[in-house]
Amino acid sequence: MRSLDNPKEDLSCPVCLDIFKDPVILSCSHSFCRECVKNCWKEKENKECPVCKRRQASEDLCSLHSEKLKLFCLDHQEPVCVICRDSEKHNKHTIRPIDEAAGQHKKKLQETLEPVKKKLNVFKKVKVKFDQTAEHIQVQARHTERQIKEQFKKLHQFLEEEEEARLCALREEEEQKSQRMKEEMEALSREIYRLFPAGVIS
């Protein structure tokens, strides 16, 4: 059984390892979620504790005196019988009926669990917001990626068209210069022919 003076010592079920849900306390003083205990006992004839393997029944007996364990020692945090209570080991300790001690422990456990559950709910809500923000960032990134690709595609298309236009202009300029050169050569040839008629130049 977990300490009544320090209920925060352990708030998790040893079976599911999660925070207690509807906690129950077995006669061996170990605590579990009610559903976890039920699931552990589904296919077992002997209802034993999942931790210490002690059998659970109304007639649990003291291993020393074979008496029913109806009491609980708060100092040693363990179930005891009426003989144990009067023994030297426990006679100066605080003893309570086991049901009362279990009820008190369960109450403190639930009181401790309340703020933990509230914090857990807050964390879950924050996690949902973080997940939504992360998803929004991913969507935004994919949208921006598409925009960048579309812009570069348009830029590539523009550059290709610009390249083709400049090459066409270059070829046209080349043709015009070649034509002017041809015309000037022809004019020069006519001038030479005029100055030097046929037969004059050997």
C-alpha atoms as a PDB file:
ATOM      1  CA  MET A   1       0.000   0.000   0.000  1.00  0.00           C
ATOM      2  CA  ARG A   2       1.351   3.458  -0.829  1.00  0.00           C
ATOM      3  CA  SER A   3       2.033   5.780   2.080  1.00  0.00           C
ATOM      4  CA  LEU A   4      -0.958   7.701   3.407  1.00  0.00           C
ATOM      5  CA  ASP A   5       1.390  10.524   4.446  1.00  0.00           C
ATOM      6  CA  ASN A   6       2.788  10.813   0.947  1.00  0.00           C
ATOM      7  CA  PRO A   7       0.040   9.929  -1.579  1.00  0.00           C
ATOM      8  CA  LYS A   8       2.064  11.510  -4.397  1.00  0.00           C
ATOM      9  CA  GLU A   9       4.660   8.782  -4.025  1.00  0.00           C
ATOM     10  CA  ASP A  10       3.086   6.842  -6.845  1.00  0.00           C
ATOM     11  CA  LEU A  11      -0.090   7.708  -8.744  1.00  0.00           C
ATOM     12  CA  SER A  12       0.246   5.136 -11.491  1.00  0.00           C
ATOM     13  CA  CYS A  13      -1.272   1.674 -11.794  1.00  0.00           C
ATOM     14  CA  PRO A  14       1.441  -1.045 -11.872  1.00  0.00           C
ATOM     15  CA  VAL A  15      -0.509  -2.886 -14.587  1.00  0.00           C
ATOM     16  CA  CYS A  16      -1.243  -0.216 -17.215  1.00  0.00           C
ATOM     17  CA  LEU A  17       1.441   2.205 -15.907  1.00  0.00           C
ATOM     18  CA  ASP A  18      -1.043   5.047 -16.396  1.00  0.00           C
ATOM     19  CA  ILE A  19      -2.614   7.364 -13.814  1.00  0.00           C
ATOM     20  CA  PHE A  20      -5.208   5.529 -11.699  1.00  0.00           C
ATOM     21  CA  LYS A  21      -8.717   5.310 -13.128  1.00  0.00           C
ATOM     22  CA  ASP A  22     -11.301   4.324 -10.503  1.00  0.00           C
ATOM     23  CA  PRO A  23      -8.615   2.965  -8.125  1.00  0.00           C
ATOM     24  CA  VAL A  24      -9.242  -0.096  -5.940  1.00  0.00           C
ATOM     25  CA  ILE A  25      -7.127  -1.411  -3.068  1.00  0.00           C
ATOM     26  CA  LEU A  26      -6.652  -5.135  -2.574  1.00  0.00           C
ATOM     27  CA  SER A  27      -6.360  -6.734   0.823  1.00  0.00           C
ATOM     28  CA  CYS A  28      -2.589  -7.030   0.279  1.00  0.00           C
ATOM     29  CA  SER A  29      -2.574  -3.189   0.180  1.00  0.00           C
ATOM     30  CA  HIS A  30      -1.618  -2.827  -3.507  1.00  0.00           C
ATOM     31  CA  SER A  31      -3.643  -0.381  -5.612  1.00  0.00           C
ATOM     32  CA  PHE A  32      -4.807  -0.785  -9.224  1.00  0.00           C
ATOM     33  CA  CYS A  33      -7.311   0.562 -11.723  1.00  0.00           C
ATOM     34  CA  ARG A  34     -10.566  -1.378 -11.301  1.00  0.00           C
ATOM     35  CA  GLU A  35     -10.600  -2.432 -14.973  1.00  0.00           C
ATOM     36  CA  CYS A  36      -6.959  -3.566 -14.828  1.00  0.00           C
ATOM     37  CA  VAL A  37      -7.715  -5.912 -11.915  1.00  0.00           C
ATOM     38  CA  LYS A  38     -10.806  -7.263 -13.684  1.00  0.00           C
ATOM     39  CA  ASN A  39      -8.801  -7.936 -16.841  1.00  0.00           C
ATOM     40  CA  CYS A  40      -6.053  -9.677 -14.849  1.00  0.00           C
ATOM     41  CA  TRP A  41      -8.622 -11.931 -13.164  1.00  0.00           C
ATOM     42  CA  LYS A  42     -10.665 -12.791 -16.269  1.00  0.00           C
ATOM     43  CA  GLU A  43      -8.963 -16.105 -17.022  1.00  0.00           C
ATOM     44  CA  LYS A  44      -7.670 -16.964 -13.539  1.00  0.00           C
ATOM     45  CA  GLU A  45      -9.340 -19.220 -11.031  1.00  0.00           C
ATOM     46  CA  ASN A  46      -7.370 -17.769  -8.144  1.00  0.00           C
ATOM     47  CA  LYS A  47      -7.759 -14.025  -7.779  1.00  0.00           C
ATOM     48  CA  GLU A  48      -4.223 -13.087  -6.896  1.00  0.00           C
ATOM     49  CA  CYS A  49      -2.541  -9.690  -6.713  1.00  0.00           C
ATOM     50  CA  PRO A  50      -0.787  -8.867 -10.021  1.00  0.00           C
ATOM     51  CA  VAL A  51       2.194  -7.531  -8.044  1.00  0.00           C
ATOM     52  CA  CYS A  52       2.806  -9.782  -5.045  1.00  0.00           C
ATOM     53  CA  LYS A  53       0.768 -12.790  -6.337  1.00  0.00           C
ATOM     54  CA  ARG A  54      -1.041 -13.024  -3.000  1.00  0.00           C
ATOM     55  CA  ARG A  55      -4.499 -14.587  -3.307  1.00  0.00           C
ATOM     56  CA  GLN A  56      -7.389 -12.232  -2.690  1.00  0.00           C
ATOM     57  CA  ALA A  57     -10.318 -13.489  -0.664  1.00  0.00           C
ATOM     58  CA  SER A  58     -12.373 -12.432   2.307  1.00  0.00           C
ATOM     59  CA  GLU A  59     -10.632 -15.045   4.434  1.00  0.00           C
ATOM     60  CA  ASP A  60      -7.065 -13.739   3.972  1.00  0.00           C
ATOM     61  CA  LEU A  61      -5.130 -15.007   6.967  1.00  0.00           C
ATOM     62  CA  CYS A  62      -2.074 -13.769   8.829  1.00  0.00           C
ATOM     63  CA  SER A  63       0.964 -15.841   7.856  1.00  0.00           C
ATOM     64  CA  LEU A  64       2.179 -15.772  11.472  1.00  0.00           C
ATOM     65  CA  HIS A  65      -1.040 -16.404  13.454  1.00  0.00           C
ATOM     66  CA  SER A  66      -3.515 -17.766  10.857  1.00  0.00           C
ATOM     67  CA  GLU A  67      -5.982 -15.097  11.954  1.00  0.00           C
ATOM     68  CA  LYS A  68      -8.073 -12.965   9.604  1.00  0.00           C
ATOM     69  CA  LEU A  69      -6.382  -9.765   8.479  1.00  0.00           C
ATOM     70  CA  LYS A  70      -8.998  -7.255   9.559  1.00  0.00           C
ATOM     71  CA  LEU A  71      -6.685  -4.449  10.694  1.00  0.00           C
ATOM     72  CA  PHE A  72      -4.090  -2.191   9.106  1.00  0.00           C
ATOM     73  CA  CYS A  73      -0.910  -0.816  10.706  1.00  0.00           C
ATOM     74  CA  LEU A  74      -0.403   2.786   9.562  1.00  0.00           C
ATOM     75  CA  ASP A  75       3.205   2.818  10.792  1.00  0.00           C
ATOM     76  CA  HIS A  76       4.306  -0.260   8.815  1.00  0.00           C
ATOM     77  CA  GLN A  77       1.707   0.197   6.060  1.00  0.00           C
ATOM     78  CA  GLU A  78       0.675  -3.450   6.156  1.00  0.00           C
ATOM     79  CA  PRO A  79      -2.407  -5.528   7.096  1.00  0.00           C
ATOM     80  CA  VAL A  80      -2.315  -7.203  10.516  1.00  0.00           C
ATOM     81  CA  CYS A  81      -4.475  -9.494  12.595  1.00  0.00           C
ATOM     82  CA  VAL A  82      -5.709  -8.906  16.174  1.00  0.00           C
ATOM     83  CA  ILE A  83      -2.771 -10.890  17.589  1.00  0.00           C
ATOM     84  CA  CYS A  84      -0.273  -8.840  15.557  1.00  0.00           C
ATOM     85  CA  ARG A  85      -1.897  -5.690  16.954  1.00  0.00           C
ATOM     86  CA  ASP A  86      -1.148  -6.732  20.522  1.00  0.00           C
ATOM     87  CA  SER A  87       2.332  -8.001  19.707  1.00  0.00           C
ATOM     88  CA  GLU A  88       5.521  -6.119  20.613  1.00  0.00           C
ATOM     89  CA  LYS A  89       6.082  -5.291  16.966  1.00  0.00           C
ATOM     90  CA  HIS A  90       2.829  -3.307  16.630  1.00  0.00           C
ATOM     91  CA  ASN A  91       1.552  -2.570  20.156  1.00  0.00           C
ATOM     92  CA  LYS A  92       2.627   1.101  20.034  1.00  0.00           C
ATOM     93  CA  HIS A  93       1.585   1.649  16.434  1.00  0.00           C
ATOM     94  CA  THR A  94      -1.545   3.299  15.066  1.00  0.00           C
ATOM     95  CA  ILE A  95      -3.957   0.544  14.010  1.00  0.00           C
ATOM     96  CA  ARG A  96      -7.135   1.037  11.996  1.00  0.00           C
ATOM     97  CA  PRO A  97      -9.745  -1.336  10.568  1.00  0.00           C
ATOM     98  CA  ILE A  98      -8.467  -2.381   7.159  1.00  0.00           C
ATOM     99  CA  ASP A  99     -11.599  -1.133   5.353  1.00  0.00           C
ATOM    100  CA  GLU A 100     -11.295   2.264   7.029  1.00  0.00           C
ATOM    101  CA  ALA A 101      -7.591   2.529   6.173  1.00  0.00           C
ATOM    102  CA  ALA A 102      -8.281   1.475   2.578  1.00  0.00           C
ATOM    103  CA  GLY A 103     -11.108   3.998   2.294  1.00  0.00           C
ATOM    104  CA  GLN A 104      -8.935   6.759   3.709  1.00  0.00           C
ATOM    105  CA  HIS A 105      -6.123   5.858   1.339  1.00  0.00           C
ATOM    106  CA  LYS A 106      -8.480   5.773  -1.635  1.00  0.00           C
ATOM    107  CA  LYS A 107      -9.921   9.173  -0.682  1.00  0.00           C
ATOM    108  CA  LYS A 108      -6.448  10.761  -0.415  1.00  0.00           C
ATOM    109  CA  LEU A 109      -5.433   9.075  -3.625  1.00  0.00           C
ATOM    110  CA  GLN A 110      -8.459  10.493  -5.460  1.00  0.00           C
ATOM    111  CA  GLU A 111      -7.838  13.955  -3.966  1.00  0.00           C
ATOM    112  CA  THR A 112      -4.260  13.800  -5.220  1.00  0.00           C
ATOM    113  CA  LEU A 113      -5.374  12.519  -8.605  1.00  0.00           C
ATOM    114  CA  GLU A 114      -7.813  15.391  -9.225  1.00  0.00           C
ATOM    115  CA  PRO A 115      -5.221  18.153  -9.876  1.00  0.00           C
ATOM    116  CA  VAL A 116      -3.072  15.657 -11.795  1.00  0.00           C
ATOM    117  CA  LYS A 117      -6.020  14.789 -14.047  1.00  0.00           C
ATOM    118  CA  LYS A 118      -6.769  18.481 -14.559  1.00  0.00           C
ATOM    119  CA  LYS A 119      -3.146  19.130 -15.535  1.00  0.00           C
ATOM    120  CA  LEU A 120      -3.273  16.123 -17.834  1.00  0.00           C
ATOM    121  CA  ASN A 121      -6.380  17.531 -19.537  1.00  0.00           C
ATOM    122  CA  VAL A 122      -4.630  20.897 -19.938  1.00  0.00           C
ATOM    123  CA  PHE A 123      -1.593  19.149 -21.441  1.00  0.00           C
ATOM    124  CA  LYS A 124      -3.864  17.233 -23.821  1.00  0.00           C
ATOM    125  CA  LYS A 125      -5.528  20.459 -24.966  1.00  0.00           C
ATOM    126  CA  VAL A 126      -2.134  22.112 -25.432  1.00  0.00           C
ATOM    127  CA  LYS A 127      -0.948  19.074 -27.390  1.00  0.00           C
ATOM    128  CA  VAL A 128      -4.020  19.310 -29.638  1.00  0.00           C
ATOM    129  CA  LYS A 129      -3.196  22.973 -30.308  1.00  0.00           C
ATOM    130  CA  PHE A 130       0.437  22.110 -30.999  1.00  0.00           C
ATOM    131  CA  ASP A 131      -0.657  19.349 -33.386  1.00  0.00           C
ATOM    132  CA  GLN A 132      -3.023  21.751 -35.145  1.00  0.00           C
ATOM    133  CA  THR A 133      -0.277  24.377 -35.387  1.00  0.00           C
ATOM    134  CA  ALA A 134       2.180  21.791 -36.732  1.00  0.00           C
ATOM    135  CA  GLU A 135      -0.383  20.672 -39.325  1.00  0.00           C
ATOM    136  CA  HIS A 136      -1.043  24.313 -40.298  1.00  0.00           C
ATOM    137  CA  ILE A 137       2.706  24.898 -40.707  1.00  0.00           C
ATOM    138  CA  GLN A 138       2.957  21.819 -42.958  1.00  0.00           C
ATOM    139  CA  VAL A 139      -0.032  22.914 -45.050  1.00  0.00           C
ATOM    140  CA  GLN A 140       1.393  26.427 -45.318  1.00  0.00           C
ATOM    141  CA  ALA A 141       4.808  25.045 -46.290  1.00  0.00           C
ATOM    142  CA  ARG A 142       3.289  22.846 -49.018  1.00  0.00           C
ATOM    143  CA  HIS A 143       1.269  25.815 -50.325  1.00  0.00           C
ATOM    144  CA  THR A 144       4.382  28.026 -50.386  1.00  0.00           C
ATOM    145  CA  GLU A 145       6.324  25.217 -52.099  1.00  0.00           C
ATOM    146  CA  ARG A 146       3.669  25.020 -54.829  1.00  0.00           C
ATOM    147  CA  GLN A 147       3.792  28.798 -55.271  1.00  0.00           C
ATOM    148  CA  ILE A 148       7.595  28.773 -55.550  1.00  0.00           C
ATOM    149  CA  LYS A 149       7.489  25.961 -58.123  1.00  0.00           C
ATOM    150  CA  GLU A 150       4.814  27.793 -60.148  1.00  0.00           C
ATOM    151  CA  GLN A 151       6.812  31.046 -60.040  1.00  0.00           C
ATOM    152  CA  PHE A 152      10.029  29.331 -61.139  1.00  0.00           C
ATOM    153  CA  LYS A 153       8.115  27.490 -63.862  1.00  0.00           C
ATOM    154  CA  LYS A 154       6.842  30.839 -65.162  1.00  0.00           C
ATOM    155  CA  LEU A 155      10.337  32.284 -64.821  1.00  0.00           C
ATOM    156  CA  HIS A 156      11.832  29.392 -66.797  1.00  0.00           C
ATOM    157  CA  GLN A 157       9.158  29.830 -69.463  1.00  0.00           C
ATOM    158  CA  PHE A 158       9.864  33.578 -69.613  1.00  0.00           C
ATOM    159  CA  LEU A 159      13.629  32.965 -69.857  1.00  0.00           C
ATOM    160  CA  GLU A 160      13.135  30.409 -72.631  1.00  0.00           C
ATOM    161  CA  GLU A 161      10.909  32.840 -74.561  1.00  0.00           C
ATOM    162  CA  GLU A 162      13.386  35.666 -73.927  1.00  0.00           C
ATOM    163  CA  GLU A 163      16.249  33.457 -75.123  1.00  0.00           C
ATOM    164  CA  GLU A 164      14.358  32.541 -78.298  1.00  0.00           C
ATOM    165  CA  ALA A 165      13.448  36.194 -78.934  1.00  0.00           C
ATOM    166  CA  ARG A 166      17.051  37.356 -78.519  1.00  0.00           C
ATOM    167  CA  LEU A 167      18.376  34.572 -80.753  1.00  0.00           C
ATOM    168  CA  CYS A 168      15.815  35.518 -83.417  1.00  0.00           C
ATOM    169  CA  ALA A 169      16.864  39.164 -83.125  1.00  0.00           C
ATOM    170  CA  LEU A 170      20.516  38.128 -83.396  1.00  0.00           C
ATOM    171  CA  ARG A 171      19.851  36.055 -86.526  1.00  0.00           C
ATOM    172  CA  GLU A 172      17.833  38.889 -88.053  1.00  0.00           C
ATOM    173  CA  GLU A 173      20.626  41.358 -87.272  1.00  0.00           C
ATOM    174  CA  GLU A 174      23.151  38.955 -88.815  1.00  0.00           C
ATOM    175  CA  GLU A 175      21.059  38.663 -91.977  1.00  0.00           C
ATOM    176  CA  GLN A 176      20.669  42.436 -92.228  1.00  0.00           C
ATOM    177  CA  LYS A 177      24.419  43.037 -91.810  1.00  0.00           C
ATOM    178  CA  SER A 178      25.246  40.295 -94.315  1.00  0.00           C
ATOM    179  CA  GLN A 179      22.769  41.816 -96.786  1.00  0.00           C
ATOM    180  CA  ARG A 180      24.253  45.304 -96.358  1.00  0.00           C
ATOM    181  CA  MET A 181      27.761  43.875 -96.762  1.00  0.00           C
ATOM    182  CA  LYS A 182      26.637  42.078 -99.937  1.00  0.00           C
ATOM    183  CA  GLU A 183      25.036  45.216-101.291  1.00  0.00           C
ATOM    184  CA  GLU A 184      28.171  47.280-100.524  1.00  0.00           C
ATOM    185  CA  MET A 185      30.378  44.644-102.222  1.00  0.00           C
ATOM    186  CA  GLU A 186      28.130  44.744-105.291  1.00  0.00           C
ATOM    187  CA  ALA A 187      28.232  48.538-105.351  1.00  0.00           C
ATOM    188  CA  LEU A 188      32.014  48.445-105.050  1.00  0.00           C
ATOM    189  CA  SER A 189      32.246  45.953-107.875  1.00  0.00           C
ATOM    190  CA  ARG A 190      30.099  48.226-110.096  1.00  0.00           C
ATOM    191  CA  GLU A 191      32.253  51.239-109.265  1.00  0.00           C
ATOM    192  CA  ILE A 192      35.437  49.347-110.108  1.00  0.00           C
ATOM    193  CA  TYR A 193      33.874  48.156-113.349  1.00  0.00           C
ATOM    194  CA  ARG A 194      32.884  51.732-114.199  1.00  0.00           C
ATOM    195  CA  LEU A 195      36.374  53.033-113.528  1.00  0.00           C
ATOM    196  CA  PHE A 196      38.084  50.137-115.200  1.00  0.00           C
ATOM    197  CA  PRO A 197      36.010  48.875-118.081  1.00  0.00           C
ATOM    198  CA  ALA A 198      36.574  45.375-119.348  1.00  0.00           C
ATOM    199  CA  GLY A 199      39.895  44.852-121.088  1.00  0.00           C
ATOM    200  CA  VAL A 200      41.627  47.666-119.210  1.00  0.00           C
ATOM    201  CA  ILE A 201      42.513  45.557-116.188  1.00  0.00           C
ATOM    202  CA  SER A 202      44.755  42.664-117.172  1.00  0.00           C
END
